[in-house]
Amino acid sequence: MLLIIGDFIAFVIAIVITLIIASVPVWLAGKIVSRRSTFGQAMAATLLSLIIFYIFFFIFSLFTPFIGVIFGFIGSLWVFKEVYSIGWIDALSLAIIAIFIAVIISLLLGVFLFPVIHIGIIRGHFIGSPFIRGQLWIN
């Protein structure tokens, strides 16, 4: 029983951390588009747009998945429009800017942070496979 409760707590913590990380690009894009964006608004918009997207995707994918994606994206734009009190064009620009910021953040993390974590900073103190640990390291 305690294992199930512990797994549930870990699941909830993972969801909250993922929501916080996913809200950063929306918050920055909201600052650019509407200038009155708060992080709470960004978290609400991220969570609601995800829920609305998947509801619309599930309903309209009965016809074809492409139609489901289109209606899901329109639903996400509607959420941005309502949460930030902006127009449709501003909601579209917010979504495009948020995607652009997310890609830039992912590229920066992929180039600078993840190699340091994967390989290690000091040679000879590696974690992971034998090749990475230095057992098969070729000088």
C-alpha atoms as a PDB file:
ATOM      1  CA  MET A   1       0.000   0.000   0.000  1.00  0.00           C
ATOM      2  CA  LEU A   2       2.816   2.406   0.853  1.00  0.00           C
ATOM      3  CA  LEU A   3       4.465   1.627  -2.485  1.00  0.00           C
ATOM      4  CA  ILE A   4       1.302   2.644  -4.337  1.00  0.00           C
ATOM      5  CA  ILE A   5       1.051   5.884  -2.352  1.00  0.00           C
ATOM      6  CA  GLY A   6       4.735   6.608  -2.974  1.00  0.00           C
ATOM      7  CA  ASP A   7       4.313   5.984  -6.702  1.00  0.00           C
ATOM      8  CA  PHE A   8       1.292   8.277  -6.775  1.00  0.00           C
ATOM      9  CA  ILE A   9       3.189  11.037  -4.966  1.00  0.00           C
ATOM     10  CA  ALA A  10       6.112  10.661  -7.391  1.00  0.00           C
ATOM     11  CA  PHE A  11       3.665  10.812 -10.304  1.00  0.00           C
ATOM     12  CA  VAL A  12       2.057  14.024  -9.009  1.00  0.00           C
ATOM     13  CA  ILE A  13       5.470  15.620  -8.406  1.00  0.00           C
ATOM     14  CA  ALA A  14       6.566  14.668 -11.940  1.00  0.00           C
ATOM     15  CA  ILE A  15       3.383  16.175 -13.412  1.00  0.00           C
ATOM     16  CA  VAL A  16       3.871  19.440 -11.480  1.00  0.00           C
ATOM     17  CA  ILE A  17       7.548  19.719 -12.488  1.00  0.00           C
ATOM     18  CA  THR A  18       6.670  19.001 -16.127  1.00  0.00           C
ATOM     19  CA  LEU A  19       3.913  21.622 -16.023  1.00  0.00           C
ATOM     20  CA  ILE A  20       6.308  24.205 -14.585  1.00  0.00           C
ATOM     21  CA  ILE A  21       8.949  23.477 -17.234  1.00  0.00           C
ATOM     22  CA  ALA A  22       6.398  23.496 -20.068  1.00  0.00           C
ATOM     23  CA  SER A  23       4.960  26.805 -18.839  1.00  0.00           C
ATOM     24  CA  VAL A  24       8.217  28.754 -19.165  1.00  0.00           C
ATOM     25  CA  PRO A  25       8.016  29.224 -22.979  1.00  0.00           C
ATOM     26  CA  VAL A  26       4.338  30.189 -22.731  1.00  0.00           C
ATOM     27  CA  TRP A  27       5.133  32.698 -19.972  1.00  0.00           C
ATOM     28  CA  LEU A  28       7.963  34.282 -21.984  1.00  0.00           C
ATOM     29  CA  ALA A  29       5.806  34.397 -25.124  1.00  0.00           C
ATOM     30  CA  GLY A  30       2.980  35.912 -23.084  1.00  0.00           C
ATOM     31  CA  LYS A  31       5.353  38.628 -21.863  1.00  0.00           C
ATOM     32  CA  ILE A  32       6.206  39.418 -25.490  1.00  0.00           C
ATOM     33  CA  VAL A  33       2.627  39.355 -26.815  1.00  0.00           C
ATOM     34  CA  SER A  34       0.432  40.694 -24.011  1.00  0.00           C
ATOM     35  CA  ARG A  35       2.955  42.325 -21.613  1.00  0.00           C
ATOM     36  CA  ARG A  36       0.789  41.395 -18.608  1.00  0.00           C
ATOM     37  CA  SER A  37       1.571  37.721 -18.367  1.00  0.00           C
ATOM     38  CA  THR A  38       2.042  36.057 -15.004  1.00  0.00           C
ATOM     39  CA  PHE A  39       3.538  32.636 -14.446  1.00  0.00           C
ATOM     40  CA  GLY A  40       0.226  31.473 -12.965  1.00  0.00           C
ATOM     41  CA  GLN A  41      -1.550  32.469 -16.168  1.00  0.00           C
ATOM     42  CA  ALA A  42       1.062  30.589 -18.163  1.00  0.00           C
ATOM     43  CA  MET A  43       0.616  27.459 -16.052  1.00  0.00           C
ATOM     44  CA  ALA A  44      -3.173  27.651 -16.360  1.00  0.00           C
ATOM     45  CA  ALA A  45      -2.962  28.252 -20.109  1.00  0.00           C
ATOM     46  CA  THR A  46      -0.515  25.371 -20.559  1.00  0.00           C
ATOM     47  CA  LEU A  47      -2.615  22.913 -18.573  1.00  0.00           C
ATOM     48  CA  LEU A  48      -5.948  23.962 -20.081  1.00  0.00           C
ATOM     49  CA  SER A  49      -4.607  24.028 -23.643  1.00  0.00           C
ATOM     50  CA  LEU A  50      -3.210  20.529 -23.181  1.00  0.00           C
ATOM     51  CA  ILE A  51      -6.547  19.244 -21.878  1.00  0.00           C
ATOM     52  CA  ILE A  52      -8.576  21.002 -24.604  1.00  0.00           C
ATOM     53  CA  PHE A  53      -6.146  19.850 -27.309  1.00  0.00           C
ATOM     54  CA  TYR A  54      -6.478  16.189 -26.361  1.00  0.00           C
ATOM     55  CA  ILE A  55     -10.251  16.364 -25.955  1.00  0.00           C
ATOM     56  CA  PHE A  56     -10.642  17.910 -29.425  1.00  0.00           C
ATOM     57  CA  PHE A  57      -8.010  15.577 -30.860  1.00  0.00           C
ATOM     58  CA  PHE A  58      -9.831  12.538 -29.491  1.00  0.00           C
ATOM     59  CA  ILE A  59     -13.236  13.683 -30.759  1.00  0.00           C
ATOM     60  CA  PHE A  60     -12.191  14.831 -34.233  1.00  0.00           C
ATOM     61  CA  SER A  61      -9.631  12.078 -34.844  1.00  0.00           C
ATOM     62  CA  LEU A  62     -12.526   9.720 -35.378  1.00  0.00           C
ATOM     63  CA  PHE A  63     -12.649  11.228 -38.887  1.00  0.00           C
ATOM     64  CA  THR A  64      -8.910  11.571 -39.499  1.00  0.00           C
ATOM     65  CA  PRO A  65      -5.985  12.390 -37.183  1.00  0.00           C
ATOM     66  CA  PHE A  66      -5.066  15.488 -39.216  1.00  0.00           C
ATOM     67  CA  ILE A  67      -8.504  17.019 -38.557  1.00  0.00           C
ATOM     68  CA  GLY A  68      -8.051  16.190 -34.871  1.00  0.00           C
ATOM     69  CA  VAL A  69      -4.735  18.051 -34.757  1.00  0.00           C
ATOM     70  CA  ILE A  70      -6.223  21.095 -36.522  1.00  0.00           C
ATOM     71  CA  PHE A  71      -9.202  21.327 -34.158  1.00  0.00           C
ATOM     72  CA  GLY A  72      -6.961  20.639 -31.149  1.00  0.00           C
ATOM     73  CA  PHE A  73      -4.663  23.489 -32.178  1.00  0.00           C
ATOM     74  CA  ILE A  74      -7.647  25.817 -32.637  1.00  0.00           C
ATOM     75  CA  GLY A  75      -8.836  24.795 -29.164  1.00  0.00           C
ATOM     76  CA  SER A  76      -5.410  25.620 -27.731  1.00  0.00           C
ATOM     77  CA  LEU A  77      -5.497  29.011 -29.446  1.00  0.00           C
ATOM     78  CA  TRP A  78      -8.925  29.620 -27.905  1.00  0.00           C
ATOM     79  CA  VAL A  79      -7.499  28.858 -24.444  1.00  0.00           C
ATOM     80  CA  PHE A  80      -4.638  31.335 -24.993  1.00  0.00           C
ATOM     81  CA  LYS A  81      -7.161  33.894 -26.267  1.00  0.00           C
ATOM     82  CA  GLU A  82      -9.335  33.576 -23.171  1.00  0.00           C
ATOM     83  CA  VAL A  83      -6.591  33.304 -20.543  1.00  0.00           C
ATOM     84  CA  TYR A  84      -4.613  36.291 -21.828  1.00  0.00           C
ATOM     85  CA  SER A  85      -7.624  38.324 -23.093  1.00  0.00           C
ATOM     86  CA  ILE A  86      -6.097  38.732 -26.546  1.00  0.00           C
ATOM     87  CA  GLY A  87      -7.341  38.276 -30.104  1.00  0.00           C
ATOM     88  CA  TRP A  88      -6.985  35.279 -32.378  1.00  0.00           C
ATOM     89  CA  ILE A  89      -3.953  36.675 -34.209  1.00  0.00           C
ATOM     90  CA  ASP A  90      -2.211  37.440 -30.917  1.00  0.00           C
ATOM     91  CA  ALA A  91      -3.038  33.929 -29.674  1.00  0.00           C
ATOM     92  CA  LEU A  92      -1.512  32.478 -32.840  1.00  0.00           C
ATOM     93  CA  SER A  93       1.594  34.628 -32.442  1.00  0.00           C
ATOM     94  CA  LEU A  94       1.830  33.605 -28.771  1.00  0.00           C
ATOM     95  CA  ALA A  95       1.721  29.930 -29.777  1.00  0.00           C
ATOM     96  CA  ILE A  96       4.338  30.373 -32.510  1.00  0.00           C
ATOM     97  CA  ILE A  97       6.660  32.363 -30.237  1.00  0.00           C
ATOM     98  CA  ALA A  98       6.223  29.786 -27.432  1.00  0.00           C
ATOM     99  CA  ILE A  99       7.133  26.960 -29.823  1.00  0.00           C
ATOM    100  CA  PHE A 100      10.167  28.921 -31.030  1.00  0.00           C
ATOM    101  CA  ILE A 101      11.301  29.603 -27.440  1.00  0.00           C
ATOM    102  CA  ALA A 102      10.803  25.931 -26.502  1.00  0.00           C
ATOM    103  CA  VAL A 103      12.934  24.825 -29.468  1.00  0.00           C
ATOM    104  CA  ILE A 104      15.690  27.300 -28.550  1.00  0.00           C
ATOM    105  CA  ILE A 105      15.666  26.157 -24.903  1.00  0.00           C
ATOM    106  CA  SER A 106      15.785  22.498 -25.990  1.00  0.00           C
ATOM    107  CA  LEU A 107      18.697  23.153 -28.333  1.00  0.00           C
ATOM    108  CA  LEU A 108      20.624  25.055 -25.671  1.00  0.00           C
ATOM    109  CA  LEU A 109      20.048  22.317 -23.104  1.00  0.00           C
ATOM    110  CA  GLY A 110      20.989  19.661 -25.639  1.00  0.00           C
ATOM    111  CA  VAL A 111      24.201  21.399 -26.628  1.00  0.00           C
ATOM    112  CA  PHE A 112      25.454  22.590 -23.239  1.00  0.00           C
ATOM    113  CA  LEU A 113      23.800  20.791 -20.319  1.00  0.00           C
ATOM    114  CA  PHE A 114      23.094  17.209 -21.362  1.00  0.00           C
ATOM    115  CA  PRO A 115      26.615  16.354 -22.651  1.00  0.00           C
ATOM    116  CA  VAL A 116      28.059  17.531 -19.343  1.00  0.00           C
ATOM    117  CA  ILE A 117      25.608  15.358 -17.432  1.00  0.00           C
ATOM    118  CA  HIS A 118      26.110  12.349 -19.704  1.00  0.00           C
ATOM    119  CA  ILE A 119      29.884  12.366 -20.071  1.00  0.00           C
ATOM    120  CA  GLY A 120      30.941  14.056 -16.865  1.00  0.00           C
ATOM    121  CA  ILE A 121      33.224  17.001 -16.348  1.00  0.00           C
ATOM    122  CA  ILE A 122      36.376  15.262 -15.097  1.00  0.00           C
ATOM    123  CA  ARG A 123      37.827  12.509 -17.292  1.00  0.00           C
ATOM    124  CA  GLY A 124      38.024   9.246 -15.430  1.00  0.00           C
ATOM    125  CA  HIS A 125      34.966   9.921 -13.276  1.00  0.00           C
ATOM    126  CA  PHE A 126      32.343   8.776 -15.726  1.00  0.00           C
ATOM    127  CA  ILE A 127      28.971   7.231 -15.078  1.00  0.00           C
ATOM    128  CA  GLY A 128      27.153   4.914 -17.444  1.00  0.00           C
ATOM    129  CA  SER A 129      28.310   2.330 -19.957  1.00  0.00           C
ATOM    130  CA  PRO A 130      31.871   0.905 -19.909  1.00  0.00           C
ATOM    131  CA  PHE A 131      32.767   3.074 -22.908  1.00  0.00           C
ATOM    132  CA  ILE A 132      31.666   6.238 -21.145  1.00  0.00           C
ATOM    133  CA  ARG A 133      33.237   5.197 -17.823  1.00  0.00           C
ATOM    134  CA  GLY A 134      36.620   5.172 -19.528  1.00  0.00           C
ATOM    135  CA  GLN A 135      37.251   1.427 -19.576  1.00  0.00           C
ATOM    136  CA  LEU A 136      37.239   1.491 -23.373  1.00  0.00           C
ATOM    137  CA  TRP A 137      38.560   5.044 -23.640  1.00  0.00           C
ATOM    138  CA  ILE A 138      41.087   5.468 -26.449  1.00  0.00           C
ATOM    139  CA  ASN A 139      43.770   8.108 -25.868  1.00  0.00           C
END
